[in-house]
N, C-alpha and C. Protein backbone atom coordinates (compact mmCIF):
# COMPACT_ATOMS: atom_id res chain seq x y z
N MET A 1 -6.97 -7.17 -39.69
CA MET A 1 -8.43 -5.79 -39.06
C MET A 1 -10.17 -6.83 -38.88
N LYS A 2 -10.30 -6.69 -37.65
CA LYS A 2 -11.72 -7.55 -38.29
C LYS A 2 -12.93 -6.70 -37.74
N ILE A 3 -14.17 -6.23 -37.99
CA ILE A 3 -15.17 -5.60 -38.18
C ILE A 3 -16.00 -6.72 -36.91
N SER A 4 -16.37 -6.25 -35.23
CA SER A 4 -16.91 -6.68 -34.55
C SER A 4 -18.35 -6.13 -34.31
N ASP A 5 -18.46 -5.20 -35.41
CA ASP A 5 -20.27 -4.53 -35.41
C ASP A 5 -20.71 -3.98 -36.30
N VAL A 6 -21.99 -4.28 -36.93
CA VAL A 6 -22.75 -4.01 -37.70
C VAL A 6 -24.26 -3.16 -37.81
N ARG A 7 -24.30 -1.99 -37.61
CA ARG A 7 -25.80 -1.74 -37.50
C ARG A 7 -25.58 -0.83 -38.90
N VAL A 8 -27.24 -1.30 -38.93
CA VAL A 8 -27.80 -0.84 -40.40
C VAL A 8 -29.15 0.00 -40.30
N ARG A 9 -29.13 1.42 -40.38
CA ARG A 9 -30.28 1.97 -40.43
C ARG A 9 -30.96 2.31 -42.10
N ILE A 10 -32.17 1.62 -41.95
CA ILE A 10 -33.23 1.43 -43.58
C ILE A 10 -33.46 3.02 -43.95
N VAL A 11 -33.52 3.35 -44.84
CA VAL A 11 -34.16 4.78 -44.90
C VAL A 11 -35.38 4.48 -45.57
N LYS A 12 -36.09 4.60 -45.27
CA LYS A 12 -38.00 4.82 -45.35
C LYS A 12 -38.78 5.63 -46.70
N ASN A 13 -37.75 6.71 -47.10
CA ASN A 13 -38.28 7.63 -48.23
C ASN A 13 -38.03 6.73 -50.10
N GLU A 14 -38.94 6.20 -50.11
CA GLU A 14 -38.81 5.22 -51.33
C GLU A 14 -38.32 6.19 -52.65
N THR A 15 -38.44 7.55 -52.67
CA THR A 15 -37.72 8.55 -53.69
C THR A 15 -36.36 8.29 -54.06
N SER A 16 -35.27 8.52 -52.46
CA SER A 16 -33.92 8.72 -52.83
C SER A 16 -33.39 7.85 -53.00
N LYS A 17 -31.70 7.70 -53.51
CA LYS A 17 -31.72 6.64 -53.67
C LYS A 17 -30.43 5.51 -52.77
N ILE A 18 -30.71 6.88 -51.92
CA ILE A 18 -29.59 6.46 -50.20
C ILE A 18 -30.73 5.33 -49.81
N LYS A 19 -30.57 3.90 -49.56
CA LYS A 19 -31.41 2.77 -48.84
C LYS A 19 -31.08 2.46 -47.70
N ALA A 20 -29.77 2.58 -47.33
CA ALA A 20 -29.66 2.61 -45.43
C ALA A 20 -28.36 3.61 -45.04
N SER A 21 -28.37 3.86 -44.24
CA SER A 21 -26.65 4.32 -43.24
C SER A 21 -26.01 3.64 -42.41
N VAL A 22 -25.07 3.15 -42.37
CA VAL A 22 -24.23 1.94 -41.67
C VAL A 22 -23.90 2.67 -41.07
N SER A 23 -23.14 1.70 -40.02
CA SER A 23 -22.06 1.65 -38.48
C SER A 23 -21.21 0.75 -38.82
N PHE A 24 -20.27 0.22 -38.35
CA PHE A 24 -19.56 -0.76 -38.04
C PHE A 24 -18.15 -0.03 -36.93
N THR A 25 -17.37 -1.17 -36.38
CA THR A 25 -17.04 -1.20 -34.77
C THR A 25 -15.57 -1.99 -35.74
N ILE A 26 -14.43 -1.71 -35.57
CA ILE A 26 -13.41 -2.23 -35.86
C ILE A 26 -12.65 -2.54 -34.77
N ASP A 27 -12.11 -4.36 -35.01
CA ASP A 27 -11.86 -4.94 -33.27
C ASP A 27 -12.14 -3.56 -32.36
N ASP A 28 -13.57 -4.43 -31.88
CA ASP A 28 -13.74 -3.73 -30.72
C ASP A 28 -13.24 -2.09 -30.57
N CYS A 29 -12.93 -1.40 -30.67
CA CYS A 29 -12.48 0.22 -30.47
C CYS A 29 -11.90 1.50 -31.50
N PHE A 30 -13.18 0.88 -32.20
CA PHE A 30 -13.05 2.20 -33.82
C PHE A 30 -14.23 2.08 -34.69
N VAL A 31 -14.81 2.86 -34.22
CA VAL A 31 -15.92 3.16 -35.41
C VAL A 31 -16.17 4.14 -36.26
N VAL A 32 -17.17 3.91 -37.07
CA VAL A 32 -17.14 4.61 -38.22
C VAL A 32 -18.38 4.54 -38.51
N HIS A 33 -18.77 5.89 -38.66
CA HIS A 33 -20.99 5.74 -38.68
C HIS A 33 -20.83 6.48 -40.33
N ASP A 34 -22.20 6.94 -40.64
CA ASP A 34 -22.45 7.49 -41.97
C ASP A 34 -22.06 6.83 -43.52
N ILE A 35 -21.68 5.44 -43.19
CA ILE A 35 -21.50 4.52 -44.42
C ILE A 35 -22.95 4.70 -45.27
N LYS A 36 -23.11 5.09 -46.36
CA LYS A 36 -24.96 5.14 -47.04
C LYS A 36 -24.20 4.20 -48.32
N VAL A 37 -25.25 3.07 -47.72
CA VAL A 37 -25.58 2.60 -49.13
C VAL A 37 -26.91 2.62 -50.15
N ILE A 38 -26.08 3.20 -51.17
CA ILE A 38 -27.08 3.76 -52.26
C ILE A 38 -26.88 2.63 -53.86
N GLU A 39 -28.66 2.85 -54.09
CA GLU A 39 -29.05 2.45 -55.18
C GLU A 39 -28.59 2.81 -56.30
N GLY A 40 -27.02 2.12 -57.03
CA GLY A 40 -26.89 3.13 -57.92
C GLY A 40 -27.73 1.76 -59.94
N ASN A 41 -27.32 2.28 -60.69
CA ASN A 41 -27.66 1.52 -62.21
C ASN A 41 -27.59 0.19 -61.87
N GLU A 42 -26.15 -0.32 -61.66
CA GLU A 42 -25.61 -1.45 -61.45
C GLU A 42 -26.28 -1.89 -60.71
N GLY A 43 -27.03 -1.74 -59.14
CA GLY A 43 -27.07 -2.56 -58.22
C GLY A 43 -26.75 -1.11 -57.19
N TYR A 44 -26.84 -2.62 -55.88
CA TYR A 44 -25.78 -1.18 -54.34
C TYR A 44 -24.20 -0.71 -54.56
N PHE A 45 -24.46 -0.20 -54.07
CA PHE A 45 -22.96 0.39 -54.05
C PHE A 45 -22.80 0.82 -52.24
N ILE A 46 -21.08 0.92 -51.67
CA ILE A 46 -21.20 2.33 -50.73
C ILE A 46 -20.50 3.66 -50.65
N ALA A 47 -20.60 4.09 -50.00
CA ALA A 47 -20.13 5.98 -50.28
C ALA A 47 -19.47 6.01 -48.52
N MET A 48 -18.36 6.24 -48.62
CA MET A 48 -17.81 6.57 -47.70
C MET A 48 -18.33 8.03 -46.89
N PRO A 49 -18.06 7.97 -45.25
CA PRO A 49 -18.58 9.53 -44.84
C PRO A 49 -17.88 10.74 -45.80
N SER A 50 -18.69 11.46 -46.15
CA SER A 50 -17.95 12.33 -46.49
C SER A 50 -18.22 14.00 -45.87
N ARG A 51 -17.43 14.88 -46.27
CA ARG A 51 -18.03 16.87 -45.74
C ARG A 51 -18.04 17.40 -47.57
N LYS A 52 -19.10 17.92 -47.63
CA LYS A 52 -18.94 18.94 -48.83
C LYS A 52 -17.41 20.17 -48.45
N SER A 53 -16.94 20.09 -50.06
CA SER A 53 -16.04 21.40 -49.41
C SER A 53 -16.25 22.63 -49.90
N PRO A 54 -15.74 23.54 -50.08
CA PRO A 54 -15.87 24.89 -49.67
C PRO A 54 -16.64 25.18 -52.16
N ASP A 55 -16.26 24.69 -52.15
CA ASP A 55 -16.47 24.44 -54.29
C ASP A 55 -17.30 23.82 -54.69
N GLY A 56 -18.13 23.04 -53.74
CA GLY A 56 -19.25 22.07 -53.59
C GLY A 56 -19.67 20.92 -53.91
N GLY A 57 -17.59 20.38 -54.04
CA GLY A 57 -17.25 19.19 -54.40
C GLY A 57 -17.85 18.17 -52.57
N PHE A 58 -17.68 16.75 -52.84
CA PHE A 58 -17.57 16.07 -51.60
C PHE A 58 -15.82 15.42 -50.98
N LYS A 59 -16.11 15.41 -50.70
CA LYS A 59 -14.87 14.30 -49.84
C LYS A 59 -14.28 13.91 -48.96
N ASP A 60 -13.76 12.36 -48.98
CA ASP A 60 -14.39 11.17 -48.15
C ASP A 60 -13.36 12.14 -46.74
N VAL A 61 -14.07 11.62 -45.58
CA VAL A 61 -13.86 12.29 -44.66
C VAL A 61 -12.85 11.06 -43.97
N VAL A 62 -13.46 9.31 -44.77
CA VAL A 62 -12.11 8.69 -43.97
C VAL A 62 -13.13 7.15 -44.26
N HIS A 63 -11.56 6.90 -44.79
CA HIS A 63 -12.25 5.29 -46.30
C HIS A 63 -10.85 4.86 -46.06
N PRO A 64 -10.71 3.91 -47.11
CA PRO A 64 -10.12 2.30 -47.53
C PRO A 64 -8.39 2.94 -48.01
N ALA A 65 -7.35 2.48 -47.18
CA ALA A 65 -6.71 2.79 -47.62
C ALA A 65 -5.84 1.64 -48.92
N ASN A 66 -6.17 0.79 -49.02
CA ASN A 66 -6.21 0.49 -50.18
C ASN A 66 -7.78 -0.63 -50.89
N THR A 67 -7.18 -1.12 -52.39
CA THR A 67 -8.50 -1.96 -53.08
C THR A 67 -9.21 -3.10 -52.30
N GLU A 68 -8.18 -3.72 -51.64
CA GLU A 68 -9.02 -4.96 -51.05
C GLU A 68 -9.61 -4.99 -49.31
N THR A 69 -9.28 -3.54 -48.62
CA THR A 69 -9.68 -3.20 -47.48
C THR A 69 -11.18 -2.81 -47.87
N ARG A 70 -11.29 -2.20 -48.82
CA ARG A 70 -11.95 -1.23 -49.40
C ARG A 70 -13.86 -2.59 -49.92
N GLU A 71 -12.79 -3.96 -50.75
CA GLU A 71 -14.05 -4.63 -51.29
C GLU A 71 -14.54 -5.61 -50.06
N LEU A 72 -13.42 -5.15 -48.89
CA LEU A 72 -13.79 -6.26 -47.35
C LEU A 72 -15.22 -5.39 -47.00
N ILE A 73 -14.59 -4.54 -46.53
CA ILE A 73 -15.68 -3.53 -46.20
C ILE A 73 -16.67 -3.34 -46.89
N SER A 74 -17.22 -3.28 -48.35
CA SER A 74 -17.97 -3.48 -49.15
C SER A 74 -19.02 -4.39 -48.86
N GLY A 75 -18.11 -6.13 -49.07
CA GLY A 75 -18.52 -6.63 -48.94
C GLY A 75 -19.65 -7.03 -47.55
N ILE A 76 -18.86 -6.98 -46.26
CA ILE A 76 -19.56 -6.48 -45.33
C ILE A 76 -20.44 -5.47 -44.81
N VAL A 77 -20.70 -4.81 -45.72
CA VAL A 77 -22.18 -3.62 -45.37
C VAL A 77 -22.40 -3.75 -46.21
N LEU A 78 -22.38 -4.79 -47.07
CA LEU A 78 -23.53 -4.47 -48.16
C LEU A 78 -24.53 -6.10 -47.68
N LYS A 79 -23.33 -6.81 -47.48
CA LYS A 79 -24.15 -7.85 -46.97
C LYS A 79 -25.01 -8.01 -45.77
N ALA A 80 -24.99 -7.21 -44.81
CA ALA A 80 -25.73 -6.34 -43.26
C ALA A 80 -27.05 -5.86 -43.69
N PHE A 81 -27.52 -5.53 -44.99
CA PHE A 81 -28.03 -4.07 -45.55
C PHE A 81 -28.97 -5.50 -46.14
N ASN A 82 -28.65 -5.88 -47.17
CA ASN A 82 -29.38 -7.46 -47.70
C ASN A 82 -30.20 -7.72 -46.65
N GLU A 83 -29.24 -8.07 -45.17
CA GLU A 83 -29.97 -9.47 -44.23
C GLU A 83 -31.35 -8.74 -43.62
N ALA A 84 -30.55 -7.32 -43.30
CA ALA A 84 -31.68 -5.94 -42.93
C ALA A 84 -33.18 -5.98 -43.17
N LYS A 85 -33.02 -5.83 -45.01
CA LYS A 85 -33.80 -5.35 -45.57
C LYS A 85 -34.32 -6.61 -45.48
N ALA A 86 -33.99 -7.93 -46.18
CA ALA A 86 -34.88 -9.21 -46.09
C ALA A 86 -35.72 -8.97 -44.71
N ALA A 87 -34.97 -9.22 -43.05
CA ALA A 87 -36.03 -8.85 -42.30
C ALA A 87 -37.06 -8.50 -41.86
N GLU A 88 -37.44 -7.51 -42.95
CA GLU A 88 -38.44 -6.05 -43.10
C GLU A 88 -39.80 -6.78 -43.10
């Protein structure tokens, strides 16, 4: 799997814990939109696209199938986010 493109949209709302919305392309043929970069107590982390369920919780719409892929995606997304933030 090769992530061939990453697009970061920085959120300008200072009070929001969501700091960016990210889209990435896998192998130049599959795009995932609305990955959120969130500021937590121990730094930034990503949240995959999700949908609100009838019981009020949230369920991921798309997500990595294993830890290795989650760490790969997280690293690439957070690197792109940090580069976009530094370029502001």
